[in-house]
Amino acid sequence: NLSLVDICFTSTTIPKMLVNIQTKS
């Protein structure tokens, strides 16, 4: 359960950050 929450926790912030860097937005 901790591992599942850690995946969700990281997926809340990092993908949006990567998209913003890639799109320069």
PDBML (XML) file of the C-alpha atoms, coordinates in Angstrom:
<?xml version="1.0" encoding="UTF-8" ?>
<PDBx:datablock datablockName="MODEL"
   xmlns:PDBx="http://pdbml.pdb.org/schema/pdbx-v50.xsd"
   xmlns:xsi="http://www.w3.org/2001/XMLSchema-instance"
   xsi:schemaLocation="http://pdbml.pdb.org/schema/pdbx-v50.xsd pdbx-v50.xsd">
   <PDBx:atom_siteCategory>
      <PDBx:atom_site id="1">
         <PDBx:B_iso_or_equiv>0.00</PDBx:B_iso_or_equiv>
         <PDBx:Cartn_x>0.000</PDBx:Cartn_x>
         <PDBx:Cartn_y>0.000</PDBx:Cartn_y>
         <PDBx:Cartn_z>0.000</PDBx:Cartn_z>
         <PDBx:auth_asym_id>A</PDBx:auth_asym_id>
         <PDBx:auth_atom_id>CA</PDBx:auth_atom_id>
         <PDBx:auth_comp_id>ASN</PDBx:auth_comp_id>
         <PDBx:auth_seq_id>1</PDBx:auth_seq_id>
         <PDBx:group_PDB>ATOM</PDBx:group_PDB>
         <PDBx:label_alt_id xsi:nil="true" />
         <PDBx:label_asym_id>A</PDBx:label_asym_id>
         <PDBx:label_atom_id>CA</PDBx:label_atom_id>
         <PDBx:label_comp_id>ASN</PDBx:label_comp_id>
         <PDBx:label_entity_id>1</PDBx:label_entity_id>
         <PDBx:label_seq_id>1</PDBx:label_seq_id>
         <PDBx:occupancy>1.00</PDBx:occupancy>
         <PDBx:pdbx_PDB_model_num>1</PDBx:pdbx_PDB_model_num>
         <PDBx:type_symbol>C</PDBx:type_symbol>
      </PDBx:atom_site>
      <PDBx:atom_site id="2">
         <PDBx:B_iso_or_equiv>0.00</PDBx:B_iso_or_equiv>
         <PDBx:Cartn_x>2.892</PDBx:Cartn_x>
         <PDBx:Cartn_y>2.363</PDBx:Cartn_y>
         <PDBx:Cartn_z>0.748</PDBx:Cartn_z>
         <PDBx:auth_asym_id>A</PDBx:auth_asym_id>
         <PDBx:auth_atom_id>CA</PDBx:auth_atom_id>
         <PDBx:auth_comp_id>LEU</PDBx:auth_comp_id>
         <PDBx:auth_seq_id>2</PDBx:auth_seq_id>
         <PDBx:group_PDB>ATOM</PDBx:group_PDB>
         <PDBx:label_alt_id xsi:nil="true" />
         <PDBx:label_asym_id>A</PDBx:label_asym_id>
         <PDBx:label_atom_id>CA</PDBx:label_atom_id>
         <PDBx:label_comp_id>LEU</PDBx:label_comp_id>
         <PDBx:label_entity_id>1</PDBx:label_entity_id>
         <PDBx:label_seq_id>2</PDBx:label_seq_id>
         <PDBx:occupancy>1.00</PDBx:occupancy>
         <PDBx:pdbx_PDB_model_num>1</PDBx:pdbx_PDB_model_num>
         <PDBx:type_symbol>C</PDBx:type_symbol>
      </PDBx:atom_site>
      <PDBx:atom_site id="3">
         <PDBx:B_iso_or_equiv>0.00</PDBx:B_iso_or_equiv>
         <PDBx:Cartn_x>4.396</PDBx:Cartn_x>
         <PDBx:Cartn_y>1.593</PDBx:Cartn_y>
         <PDBx:Cartn_z>-2.669</PDBx:Cartn_z>
         <PDBx:auth_asym_id>A</PDBx:auth_asym_id>
         <PDBx:auth_atom_id>CA</PDBx:auth_atom_id>
         <PDBx:auth_comp_id>SER</PDBx:auth_comp_id>
         <PDBx:auth_seq_id>3</PDBx:auth_seq_id>
         <PDBx:group_PDB>ATOM</PDBx:group_PDB>
         <PDBx:label_alt_id xsi:nil="true" />
         <PDBx:label_asym_id>A</PDBx:label_asym_id>
         <PDBx:label_atom_id>CA</PDBx:label_atom_id>
         <PDBx:label_comp_id>SER</PDBx:label_comp_id>
         <PDBx:label_entity_id>1</PDBx:label_entity_id>
         <PDBx:label_seq_id>3</PDBx:label_seq_id>
         <PDBx:occupancy>1.00</PDBx:occupancy>
         <PDBx:pdbx_PDB_model_num>1</PDBx:pdbx_PDB_model_num>
         <PDBx:type_symbol>C</PDBx:type_symbol>
      </PDBx:atom_site>
      <PDBx:atom_site id="4">
         <PDBx:B_iso_or_equiv>0.00</PDBx:B_iso_or_equiv>
         <PDBx:Cartn_x>1.059</PDBx:Cartn_x>
         <PDBx:Cartn_y>2.275</PDBx:Cartn_y>
         <PDBx:Cartn_z>-4.390</PDBx:Cartn_z>
         <PDBx:auth_asym_id>A</PDBx:auth_asym_id>
         <PDBx:auth_atom_id>CA</PDBx:auth_atom_id>
         <PDBx:auth_comp_id>LEU</PDBx:auth_comp_id>
         <PDBx:auth_seq_id>4</PDBx:auth_seq_id>
         <PDBx:group_PDB>ATOM</PDBx:group_PDB>
         <PDBx:label_alt_id xsi:nil="true" />
         <PDBx:label_asym_id>A</PDBx:label_asym_id>
         <PDBx:label_atom_id>CA</PDBx:label_atom_id>
         <PDBx:label_comp_id>LEU</PDBx:label_comp_id>
         <PDBx:label_entity_id>1</PDBx:label_entity_id>
         <PDBx:label_seq_id>4</PDBx:label_seq_id>
         <PDBx:occupancy>1.00</PDBx:occupancy>
         <PDBx:pdbx_PDB_model_num>1</PDBx:pdbx_PDB_model_num>
         <PDBx:type_symbol>C</PDBx:type_symbol>
      </PDBx:atom_site>
      <PDBx:atom_site id="5">
         <PDBx:B_iso_or_equiv>0.00</PDBx:B_iso_or_equiv>
         <PDBx:Cartn_x>0.665</PDBx:Cartn_x>
         <PDBx:Cartn_y>5.598</PDBx:Cartn_y>
         <PDBx:Cartn_z>-2.565</PDBx:Cartn_z>
         <PDBx:auth_asym_id>A</PDBx:auth_asym_id>
         <PDBx:auth_atom_id>CA</PDBx:auth_atom_id>
         <PDBx:auth_comp_id>VAL</PDBx:auth_comp_id>
         <PDBx:auth_seq_id>5</PDBx:auth_seq_id>
         <PDBx:group_PDB>ATOM</PDBx:group_PDB>
         <PDBx:label_alt_id xsi:nil="true" />
         <PDBx:label_asym_id>A</PDBx:label_asym_id>
         <PDBx:label_atom_id>CA</PDBx:label_atom_id>
         <PDBx:label_comp_id>VAL</PDBx:label_comp_id>
         <PDBx:label_entity_id>1</PDBx:label_entity_id>
         <PDBx:label_seq_id>5</PDBx:label_seq_id>
         <PDBx:occupancy>1.00</PDBx:occupancy>
         <PDBx:pdbx_PDB_model_num>1</PDBx:pdbx_PDB_model_num>
         <PDBx:type_symbol>C</PDBx:type_symbol>
      </PDBx:atom_site>
      <PDBx:atom_site id="6">
         <PDBx:B_iso_or_equiv>0.00</PDBx:B_iso_or_equiv>
         <PDBx:Cartn_x>4.264</PDBx:Cartn_x>
         <PDBx:Cartn_y>6.560</PDBx:Cartn_y>
         <PDBx:Cartn_z>-3.451</PDBx:Cartn_z>
         <PDBx:auth_asym_id>A</PDBx:auth_asym_id>
         <PDBx:auth_atom_id>CA</PDBx:auth_atom_id>
         <PDBx:auth_comp_id>ASP</PDBx:auth_comp_id>
         <PDBx:auth_seq_id>6</PDBx:auth_seq_id>
         <PDBx:group_PDB>ATOM</PDBx:group_PDB>
         <PDBx:label_alt_id xsi:nil="true" />
         <PDBx:label_asym_id>A</PDBx:label_asym_id>
         <PDBx:label_atom_id>CA</PDBx:label_atom_id>
         <PDBx:label_comp_id>ASP</PDBx:label_comp_id>
         <PDBx:label_entity_id>1</PDBx:label_entity_id>
         <PDBx:label_seq_id>6</PDBx:label_seq_id>
         <PDBx:occupancy>1.00</PDBx:occupancy>
         <PDBx:pdbx_PDB_model_num>1</PDBx:pdbx_PDB_model_num>
         <PDBx:type_symbol>C</PDBx:type_symbol>
      </PDBx:atom_site>
      <PDBx:atom_site id="7">
         <PDBx:B_iso_or_equiv>0.00</PDBx:B_iso_or_equiv>
         <PDBx:Cartn_x>3.551</PDBx:Cartn_x>
         <PDBx:Cartn_y>5.954</PDBx:Cartn_y>
         <PDBx:Cartn_z>-7.150</PDBx:Cartn_z>
         <PDBx:auth_asym_id>A</PDBx:auth_asym_id>
         <PDBx:auth_atom_id>CA</PDBx:auth_atom_id>
         <PDBx:auth_comp_id>ILE</PDBx:auth_comp_id>
         <PDBx:auth_seq_id>7</PDBx:auth_seq_id>
         <PDBx:group_PDB>ATOM</PDBx:group_PDB>
         <PDBx:label_alt_id xsi:nil="true" />
         <PDBx:label_asym_id>A</PDBx:label_asym_id>
         <PDBx:label_atom_id>CA</PDBx:label_atom_id>
         <PDBx:label_comp_id>ILE</PDBx:label_comp_id>
         <PDBx:label_entity_id>1</PDBx:label_entity_id>
         <PDBx:label_seq_id>7</PDBx:label_seq_id>
         <PDBx:occupancy>1.00</PDBx:occupancy>
         <PDBx:pdbx_PDB_model_num>1</PDBx:pdbx_PDB_model_num>
         <PDBx:type_symbol>C</PDBx:type_symbol>
      </PDBx:atom_site>
      <PDBx:atom_site id="8">
         <PDBx:B_iso_or_equiv>0.00</PDBx:B_iso_or_equiv>
         <PDBx:Cartn_x>0.413</PDBx:Cartn_x>
         <PDBx:Cartn_y>8.106</PDBx:Cartn_y>
         <PDBx:Cartn_z>-6.949</PDBx:Cartn_z>
         <PDBx:auth_asym_id>A</PDBx:auth_asym_id>
         <PDBx:auth_atom_id>CA</PDBx:auth_atom_id>
         <PDBx:auth_comp_id>CYS</PDBx:auth_comp_id>
         <PDBx:auth_seq_id>8</PDBx:auth_seq_id>
         <PDBx:group_PDB>ATOM</PDBx:group_PDB>
         <PDBx:label_alt_id xsi:nil="true" />
         <PDBx:label_asym_id>A</PDBx:label_asym_id>
         <PDBx:label_atom_id>CA</PDBx:label_atom_id>
         <PDBx:label_comp_id>CYS</PDBx:label_comp_id>
         <PDBx:label_entity_id>1</PDBx:label_entity_id>
         <PDBx:label_seq_id>8</PDBx:label_seq_id>
         <PDBx:occupancy>1.00</PDBx:occupancy>
         <PDBx:pdbx_PDB_model_num>1</PDBx:pdbx_PDB_model_num>
         <PDBx:type_symbol>C</PDBx:type_symbol>
      </PDBx:atom_site>
      <PDBx:atom_site id="9">
         <PDBx:B_iso_or_equiv>0.00</PDBx:B_iso_or_equiv>
         <PDBx:Cartn_x>2.213</PDBx:Cartn_x>
         <PDBx:Cartn_y>10.736</PDBx:Cartn_y>
         <PDBx:Cartn_z>-4.840</PDBx:Cartn_z>
         <PDBx:auth_asym_id>A</PDBx:auth_asym_id>
         <PDBx:auth_atom_id>CA</PDBx:auth_atom_id>
         <PDBx:auth_comp_id>PHE</PDBx:auth_comp_id>
         <PDBx:auth_seq_id>9</PDBx:auth_seq_id>
         <PDBx:group_PDB>ATOM</PDBx:group_PDB>
         <PDBx:label_alt_id xsi:nil="true" />
         <PDBx:label_asym_id>A</PDBx:label_asym_id>
         <PDBx:label_atom_id>CA</PDBx:label_atom_id>
         <PDBx:label_comp_id>PHE</PDBx:label_comp_id>
         <PDBx:label_entity_id>1</PDBx:label_entity_id>
         <PDBx:label_seq_id>9</PDBx:label_seq_id>
         <PDBx:occupancy>1.00</PDBx:occupancy>
         <PDBx:pdbx_PDB_model_num>1</PDBx:pdbx_PDB_model_num>
         <PDBx:type_symbol>C</PDBx:type_symbol>
      </PDBx:atom_site>
      <PDBx:atom_site id="10">
         <PDBx:B_iso_or_equiv>0.00</PDBx:B_iso_or_equiv>
         <PDBx:Cartn_x>4.994</PDBx:Cartn_x>
         <PDBx:Cartn_y>11.196</PDBx:Cartn_y>
         <PDBx:Cartn_z>-7.396</PDBx:Cartn_z>
         <PDBx:auth_asym_id>A</PDBx:auth_asym_id>
         <PDBx:auth_atom_id>CA</PDBx:auth_atom_id>
         <PDBx:auth_comp_id>THR</PDBx:auth_comp_id>
         <PDBx:auth_seq_id>10</PDBx:auth_seq_id>
         <PDBx:group_PDB>ATOM</PDBx:group_PDB>
         <PDBx:label_alt_id xsi:nil="true" />
         <PDBx:label_asym_id>A</PDBx:label_asym_id>
         <PDBx:label_atom_id>CA</PDBx:label_atom_id>
         <PDBx:label_comp_id>THR</PDBx:label_comp_id>
         <PDBx:label_entity_id>1</PDBx:label_entity_id>
         <PDBx:label_seq_id>10</PDBx:label_seq_id>
         <PDBx:occupancy>1.00</PDBx:occupancy>
         <PDBx:pdbx_PDB_model_num>1</PDBx:pdbx_PDB_model_num>
         <PDBx:type_symbol>C</PDBx:type_symbol>
      </PDBx:atom_site>
      <PDBx:atom_site id="11">
         <PDBx:B_iso_or_equiv>0.00</PDBx:B_iso_or_equiv>
         <PDBx:Cartn_x>2.587</PDBx:Cartn_x>
         <PDBx:Cartn_y>11.007</PDBx:Cartn_y>
         <PDBx:Cartn_z>-10.351</PDBx:Cartn_z>
         <PDBx:auth_asym_id>A</PDBx:auth_asym_id>
         <PDBx:auth_atom_id>CA</PDBx:auth_atom_id>
         <PDBx:auth_comp_id>SER</PDBx:auth_comp_id>
         <PDBx:auth_seq_id>11</PDBx:auth_seq_id>
         <PDBx:group_PDB>ATOM</PDBx:group_PDB>
         <PDBx:label_alt_id xsi:nil="true" />
         <PDBx:label_asym_id>A</PDBx:label_asym_id>
         <PDBx:label_atom_id>CA</PDBx:label_atom_id>
         <PDBx:label_comp_id>SER</PDBx:label_comp_id>
         <PDBx:label_entity_id>1</PDBx:label_entity_id>
         <PDBx:label_seq_id>11</PDBx:label_seq_id>
         <PDBx:occupancy>1.00</PDBx:occupancy>
         <PDBx:pdbx_PDB_model_num>1</PDBx:pdbx_PDB_model_num>
         <PDBx:type_symbol>C</PDBx:type_symbol>
      </PDBx:atom_site>
      <PDBx:atom_site id="12">
         <PDBx:B_iso_or_equiv>0.00</PDBx:B_iso_or_equiv>
         <PDBx:Cartn_x>0.652</PDBx:Cartn_x>
         <PDBx:Cartn_y>13.961</PDBx:Cartn_y>
         <PDBx:Cartn_z>-8.915</PDBx:Cartn_z>
         <PDBx:auth_asym_id>A</PDBx:auth_asym_id>
         <PDBx:auth_atom_id>CA</PDBx:auth_atom_id>
         <PDBx:auth_comp_id>THR</PDBx:auth_comp_id>
         <PDBx:auth_seq_id>12</PDBx:auth_seq_id>
         <PDBx:group_PDB>ATOM</PDBx:group_PDB>
         <PDBx:label_alt_id xsi:nil="true" />
         <PDBx:label_asym_id>A</PDBx:label_asym_id>
         <PDBx:label_atom_id>CA</PDBx:label_atom_id>
         <PDBx:label_comp_id>THR</PDBx:label_comp_id>
         <PDBx:label_entity_id>1</PDBx:label_entity_id>
         <PDBx:label_seq_id>12</PDBx:label_seq_id>
         <PDBx:occupancy>1.00</PDBx:occupancy>
         <PDBx:pdbx_PDB_model_num>1</PDBx:pdbx_PDB_model_num>
         <PDBx:type_symbol>C</PDBx:type_symbol>
      </PDBx:atom_site>
      <PDBx:atom_site id="13">
         <PDBx:B_iso_or_equiv>0.00</PDBx:B_iso_or_equiv>
         <PDBx:Cartn_x>3.489</PDBx:Cartn_x>
         <PDBx:Cartn_y>16.424</PDBx:Cartn_y>
         <PDBx:Cartn_z>-9.507</PDBx:Cartn_z>
         <PDBx:auth_asym_id>A</PDBx:auth_asym_id>
         <PDBx:auth_atom_id>CA</PDBx:auth_atom_id>
         <PDBx:auth_comp_id>THR</PDBx:auth_comp_id>
         <PDBx:auth_seq_id>13</PDBx:auth_seq_id>
         <PDBx:group_PDB>ATOM</PDBx:group_PDB>
         <PDBx:label_alt_id xsi:nil="true" />
         <PDBx:label_asym_id>A</PDBx:label_asym_id>
         <PDBx:label_atom_id>CA</PDBx:label_atom_id>
         <PDBx:label_comp_id>THR</PDBx:label_comp_id>
         <PDBx:label_entity_id>1</PDBx:label_entity_id>
         <PDBx:label_seq_id>13</PDBx:label_seq_id>
         <PDBx:occupancy>1.00</PDBx:occupancy>
         <PDBx:pdbx_PDB_model_num>1</PDBx:pdbx_PDB_model_num>
         <PDBx:type_symbol>C</PDBx:type_symbol>
      </PDBx:atom_site>
      <PDBx:atom_site id="14">
         <PDBx:B_iso_or_equiv>0.00</PDBx:B_iso_or_equiv>
         <PDBx:Cartn_x>6.260</PDBx:Cartn_x>
         <PDBx:Cartn_y>15.182</PDBx:Cartn_y>
         <PDBx:Cartn_z>-11.806</PDBx:Cartn_z>
         <PDBx:auth_asym_id>A</PDBx:auth_asym_id>
         <PDBx:auth_atom_id>CA</PDBx:auth_atom_id>
         <PDBx:auth_comp_id>ILE</PDBx:auth_comp_id>
         <PDBx:auth_seq_id>14</PDBx:auth_seq_id>
         <PDBx:group_PDB>ATOM</PDBx:group_PDB>
         <PDBx:label_alt_id xsi:nil="true" />
         <PDBx:label_asym_id>A</PDBx:label_asym_id>
         <PDBx:label_atom_id>CA</PDBx:label_atom_id>
         <PDBx:label_comp_id>ILE</PDBx:label_comp_id>
         <PDBx:label_entity_id>1</PDBx:label_entity_id>
         <PDBx:label_seq_id>14</PDBx:label_seq_id>
         <PDBx:occupancy>1.00</PDBx:occupancy>
         <PDBx:pdbx_PDB_model_num>1</PDBx:pdbx_PDB_model_num>
         <PDBx:type_symbol>C</PDBx:type_symbol>
      </PDBx:atom_site>
      <PDBx:atom_site id="15">
         <PDBx:B_iso_or_equiv>0.00</PDBx:B_iso_or_equiv>
         <PDBx:Cartn_x>4.356</PDBx:Cartn_x>
         <PDBx:Cartn_y>14.441</PDBx:Cartn_y>
         <PDBx:Cartn_z>-15.084</PDBx:Cartn_z>
         <PDBx:auth_asym_id>A</PDBx:auth_asym_id>
         <PDBx:auth_atom_id>CA</PDBx:auth_atom_id>
         <PDBx:auth_comp_id>PRO</PDBx:auth_comp_id>
         <PDBx:auth_seq_id>15</PDBx:auth_seq_id>
         <PDBx:group_PDB>ATOM</PDBx:group_PDB>
         <PDBx:label_alt_id xsi:nil="true" />
         <PDBx:label_asym_id>A</PDBx:label_asym_id>
         <PDBx:label_atom_id>CA</PDBx:label_atom_id>
         <PDBx:label_comp_id>PRO</PDBx:label_comp_id>
         <PDBx:label_entity_id>1</PDBx:label_entity_id>
         <PDBx:label_seq_id>15</PDBx:label_seq_id>
         <PDBx:occupancy>1.00</PDBx:occupancy>
         <PDBx:pdbx_PDB_model_num>1</PDBx:pdbx_PDB_model_num>
         <PDBx:type_symbol>C</PDBx:type_symbol>
      </PDBx:atom_site>
      <PDBx:atom_site id="16">
         <PDBx:B_iso_or_equiv>0.00</PDBx:B_iso_or_equiv>
         <PDBx:Cartn_x>2.929</PDBx:Cartn_x>
         <PDBx:Cartn_y>17.988</PDBx:Cartn_y>
         <PDBx:Cartn_z>-15.189</PDBx:Cartn_z>
         <PDBx:auth_asym_id>A</PDBx:auth_asym_id>
         <PDBx:auth_atom_id>CA</PDBx:auth_atom_id>
         <PDBx:auth_comp_id>LYS</PDBx:auth_comp_id>
         <PDBx:auth_seq_id>16</PDBx:auth_seq_id>
         <PDBx:group_PDB>ATOM</PDBx:group_PDB>
         <PDBx:label_alt_id xsi:nil="true" />
         <PDBx:label_asym_id>A</PDBx:label_asym_id>
         <PDBx:label_atom_id>CA</PDBx:label_atom_id>
         <PDBx:label_comp_id>LYS</PDBx:label_comp_id>
         <PDBx:label_entity_id>1</PDBx:label_entity_id>
         <PDBx:label_seq_id>16</PDBx:label_seq_id>
         <PDBx:occupancy>1.00</PDBx:occupancy>
         <PDBx:pdbx_PDB_model_num>1</PDBx:pdbx_PDB_model_num>
         <PDBx:type_symbol>C</PDBx:type_symbol>
      </PDBx:atom_site>
      <PDBx:atom_site id="17">
         <PDBx:B_iso_or_equiv>0.00</PDBx:B_iso_or_equiv>
         <PDBx:Cartn_x>6.387</PDBx:Cartn_x>
         <PDBx:Cartn_y>19.409</PDBx:Cartn_y>
         <PDBx:Cartn_z>-14.550</PDBx:Cartn_z>
         <PDBx:auth_asym_id>A</PDBx:auth_asym_id>
         <PDBx:auth_atom_id>CA</PDBx:auth_atom_id>
         <PDBx:auth_comp_id>MET</PDBx:auth_comp_id>
         <PDBx:auth_seq_id>17</PDBx:auth_seq_id>
         <PDBx:group_PDB>ATOM</PDBx:group_PDB>
         <PDBx:label_alt_id xsi:nil="true" />
         <PDBx:label_asym_id>A</PDBx:label_asym_id>
         <PDBx:label_atom_id>CA</PDBx:label_atom_id>
         <PDBx:label_comp_id>MET</PDBx:label_comp_id>
         <PDBx:label_entity_id>1</PDBx:label_entity_id>
         <PDBx:label_seq_id>17</PDBx:label_seq_id>
         <PDBx:occupancy>1.00</PDBx:occupancy>
         <PDBx:pdbx_PDB_model_num>1</PDBx:pdbx_PDB_model_num>
         <PDBx:type_symbol>C</PDBx:type_symbol>
      </PDBx:atom_site>
      <PDBx:atom_site id="18">
         <PDBx:B_iso_or_equiv>0.00</PDBx:B_iso_or_equiv>
         <PDBx:Cartn_x>7.858</PDBx:Cartn_x>
         <PDBx:Cartn_y>17.330</PDBx:Cartn_y>
         <PDBx:Cartn_z>-17.399</PDBx:Cartn_z>
         <PDBx:auth_asym_id>A</PDBx:auth_asym_id>
         <PDBx:auth_atom_id>CA</PDBx:auth_atom_id>
         <PDBx:auth_comp_id>LEU</PDBx:auth_comp_id>
         <PDBx:auth_seq_id>18</PDBx:auth_seq_id>
         <PDBx:group_PDB>ATOM</PDBx:group_PDB>
         <PDBx:label_alt_id xsi:nil="true" />
         <PDBx:label_asym_id>A</PDBx:label_asym_id>
         <PDBx:label_atom_id>CA</PDBx:label_atom_id>
         <PDBx:label_comp_id>LEU</PDBx:label_comp_id>
         <PDBx:label_entity_id>1</PDBx:label_entity_id>
         <PDBx:label_seq_id>18</PDBx:label_seq_id>
         <PDBx:occupancy>1.00</PDBx:occupancy>
         <PDBx:pdbx_PDB_model_num>1</PDBx:pdbx_PDB_model_num>
         <PDBx:type_symbol>C</PDBx:type_symbol>
      </PDBx:atom_site>
      <PDBx:atom_site id="19">
         <PDBx:B_iso_or_equiv>0.00</PDBx:B_iso_or_equiv>
         <PDBx:Cartn_x>5.074</PDBx:Cartn_x>
         <PDBx:Cartn_y>18.388</PDBx:Cartn_y>
         <PDBx:Cartn_z>-19.770</PDBx:Cartn_z>
         <PDBx:auth_asym_id>A</PDBx:auth_asym_id>
         <PDBx:auth_atom_id>CA</PDBx:auth_atom_id>
         <PDBx:auth_comp_id>VAL</PDBx:auth_comp_id>
         <PDBx:auth_seq_id>19</PDBx:auth_seq_id>
         <PDBx:group_PDB>ATOM</PDBx:group_PDB>
         <PDBx:label_alt_id xsi:nil="true" />
         <PDBx:label_asym_id>A</PDBx:label_asym_id>
         <PDBx:label_atom_id>CA</PDBx:label_atom_id>
         <PDBx:label_comp_id>VAL</PDBx:label_comp_id>
         <PDBx:label_entity_id>1</PDBx:label_entity_id>
         <PDBx:label_seq_id>19</PDBx:label_seq_id>
         <PDBx:occupancy>1.00</PDBx:occupancy>
         <PDBx:pdbx_PDB_model_num>1</PDBx:pdbx_PDB_model_num>
         <PDBx:type_symbol>C</PDBx:type_symbol>
      </PDBx:atom_site>
      <PDBx:atom_site id="20">
         <PDBx:B_iso_or_equiv>0.00</PDBx:B_iso_or_equiv>
         <PDBx:Cartn_x>5.650</PDBx:Cartn_x>
         <PDBx:Cartn_y>22.062</PDBx:Cartn_y>
         <PDBx:Cartn_z>-18.926</PDBx:Cartn_z>
         <PDBx:auth_asym_id>A</PDBx:auth_asym_id>
         <PDBx:auth_atom_id>CA</PDBx:auth_atom_id>
         <PDBx:auth_comp_id>ASN</PDBx:auth_comp_id>
         <PDBx:auth_seq_id>20</PDBx:auth_seq_id>
         <PDBx:group_PDB>ATOM</PDBx:group_PDB>
         <PDBx:label_alt_id xsi:nil="true" />
         <PDBx:label_asym_id>A</PDBx:label_asym_id>
         <PDBx:label_atom_id>CA</PDBx:label_atom_id>
         <PDBx:label_comp_id>ASN</PDBx:label_comp_id>
         <PDBx:label_entity_id>1</PDBx:label_entity_id>
         <PDBx:label_seq_id>20</PDBx:label_seq_id>
         <PDBx:occupancy>1.00</PDBx:occupancy>
         <PDBx:pdbx_PDB_model_num>1</PDBx:pdbx_PDB_model_num>
         <PDBx:type_symbol>C</PDBx:type_symbol>
      </PDBx:atom_site>
      <PDBx:atom_site id="21">
         <PDBx:B_iso_or_equiv>0.00</PDBx:B_iso_or_equiv>
         <PDBx:Cartn_x>9.386</PDBx:Cartn_x>
         <PDBx:Cartn_y>21.757</PDBx:Cartn_y>
         <PDBx:Cartn_z>-19.615</PDBx:Cartn_z>
         <PDBx:auth_asym_id>A</PDBx:auth_asym_id>
         <PDBx:auth_atom_id>CA</PDBx:auth_atom_id>
         <PDBx:auth_comp_id>ILE</PDBx:auth_comp_id>
         <PDBx:auth_seq_id>21</PDBx:auth_seq_id>
         <PDBx:group_PDB>ATOM</PDBx:group_PDB>
         <PDBx:label_alt_id xsi:nil="true" />
         <PDBx:label_asym_id>A</PDBx:label_asym_id>
         <PDBx:label_atom_id>CA</PDBx:label_atom_id>
         <PDBx:label_comp_id>ILE</PDBx:label_comp_id>
         <PDBx:label_entity_id>1</PDBx:label_entity_id>
         <PDBx:label_seq_id>21</PDBx:label_seq_id>
         <PDBx:occupancy>1.00</PDBx:occupancy>
         <PDBx:pdbx_PDB_model_num>1</PDBx:pdbx_PDB_model_num>
         <PDBx:type_symbol>C</PDBx:type_symbol>
      </PDBx:atom_site>
      <PDBx:atom_site id="22">
         <PDBx:B_iso_or_equiv>0.00</PDBx:B_iso_or_equiv>
         <PDBx:Cartn_x>8.799</PDBx:Cartn_x>
         <PDBx:Cartn_y>19.894</PDBx:Cartn_y>
         <PDBx:Cartn_z>-22.880</PDBx:Cartn_z>
         <PDBx:auth_asym_id>A</PDBx:auth_asym_id>
         <PDBx:auth_atom_id>CA</PDBx:auth_atom_id>
         <PDBx:auth_comp_id>GLN</PDBx:auth_comp_id>
         <PDBx:auth_seq_id>22</PDBx:auth_seq_id>
         <PDBx:group_PDB>ATOM</PDBx:group_PDB>
         <PDBx:label_alt_id xsi:nil="true" />
         <PDBx:label_asym_id>A</PDBx:label_asym_id>
         <PDBx:label_atom_id>CA</PDBx:label_atom_id>
         <PDBx:label_comp_id>GLN</PDBx:label_comp_id>
         <PDBx:label_entity_id>1</PDBx:label_entity_id>
         <PDBx:label_seq_id>22</PDBx:label_seq_id>
         <PDBx:occupancy>1.00</PDBx:occupancy>
         <PDBx:pdbx_PDB_model_num>1</PDBx:pdbx_PDB_model_num>
         <PDBx:type_symbol>C</PDBx:type_symbol>
      </PDBx:atom_site>
      <PDBx:atom_site id="23">
         <PDBx:B_iso_or_equiv>0.00</PDBx:B_iso_or_equiv>
         <PDBx:Cartn_x>6.170</PDBx:Cartn_x>
         <PDBx:Cartn_y>22.368</PDBx:Cartn_y>
         <PDBx:Cartn_z>-24.130</PDBx:Cartn_z>
         <PDBx:auth_asym_id>A</PDBx:auth_asym_id>
         <PDBx:auth_atom_id>CA</PDBx:auth_atom_id>
         <PDBx:auth_comp_id>THR</PDBx:auth_comp_id>
         <PDBx:auth_seq_id>23</PDBx:auth_seq_id>
         <PDBx:group_PDB>ATOM</PDBx:group_PDB>
         <PDBx:label_alt_id xsi:nil="true" />
         <PDBx:label_asym_id>A</PDBx:label_asym_id>
         <PDBx:label_atom_id>CA</PDBx:label_atom_id>
         <PDBx:label_comp_id>THR</PDBx:label_comp_id>
         <PDBx:label_entity_id>1</PDBx:label_entity_id>
         <PDBx:label_seq_id>23</PDBx:label_seq_id>
         <PDBx:occupancy>1.00</PDBx:occupancy>
         <PDBx:pdbx_PDB_model_num>1</PDBx:pdbx_PDB_model_num>
         <PDBx:type_symbol>C</PDBx:type_symbol>
      </PDBx:atom_site>
      <PDBx:atom_site id="24">
         <PDBx:B_iso_or_equiv>0.00</PDBx:B_iso_or_equiv>
         <PDBx:Cartn_x>8.094</PDBx:Cartn_x>
         <PDBx:Cartn_y>25.392</PDBx:Cartn_y>
         <PDBx:Cartn_z>-22.755</PDBx:Cartn_z>
         <PDBx:auth_asym_id>A</PDBx:auth_asym_id>
         <PDBx:auth_atom_id>CA</PDBx:auth_atom_id>
         <PDBx:auth_comp_id>LYS</PDBx:auth_comp_id>
         <PDBx:auth_seq_id>24</PDBx:auth_seq_id>
         <PDBx:group_PDB>ATOM</PDBx:group_PDB>
         <PDBx:label_alt_id xsi:nil="true" />
         <PDBx:label_asym_id>A</PDBx:label_asym_id>
         <PDBx:label_atom_id>CA</PDBx:label_atom_id>
         <PDBx:label_comp_id>LYS</PDBx:label_comp_id>
         <PDBx:label_entity_id>1</PDBx:label_entity_id>
         <PDBx:label_seq_id>24</PDBx:label_seq_id>
         <PDBx:occupancy>1.00</PDBx:occupancy>
         <PDBx:pdbx_PDB_model_num>1</PDBx:pdbx_PDB_model_num>
         <PDBx:type_symbol>C</PDBx:type_symbol>
      </PDBx:atom_site>
      <PDBx:atom_site id="25">
         <PDBx:B_iso_or_equiv>0.00</PDBx:B_iso_or_equiv>
         <PDBx:Cartn_x>4.964</PDBx:Cartn_x>
         <PDBx:Cartn_y>26.454</PDBx:Cartn_y>
         <PDBx:Cartn_z>-20.914</PDBx:Cartn_z>
         <PDBx:auth_asym_id>A</PDBx:auth_asym_id>
         <PDBx:auth_atom_id>CA</PDBx:auth_atom_id>
         <PDBx:auth_comp_id>SER</PDBx:auth_comp_id>
         <PDBx:auth_seq_id>25</PDBx:auth_seq_id>
         <PDBx:group_PDB>ATOM</PDBx:group_PDB>
         <PDBx:label_alt_id xsi:nil="true" />
         <PDBx:label_asym_id>A</PDBx:label_asym_id>
         <PDBx:label_atom_id>CA</PDBx:label_atom_id>
         <PDBx:label_comp_id>SER</PDBx:label_comp_id>
         <PDBx:label_entity_id>1</PDBx:label_entity_id>
         <PDBx:label_seq_id>25</PDBx:label_seq_id>
         <PDBx:occupancy>1.00</PDBx:occupancy>
         <PDBx:pdbx_PDB_model_num>1</PDBx:pdbx_PDB_model_num>
         <PDBx:type_symbol>C</PDBx:type_symbol>
      </PDBx:atom_site>
   </PDBx:atom_siteCategory>
</PDBx:datablock>
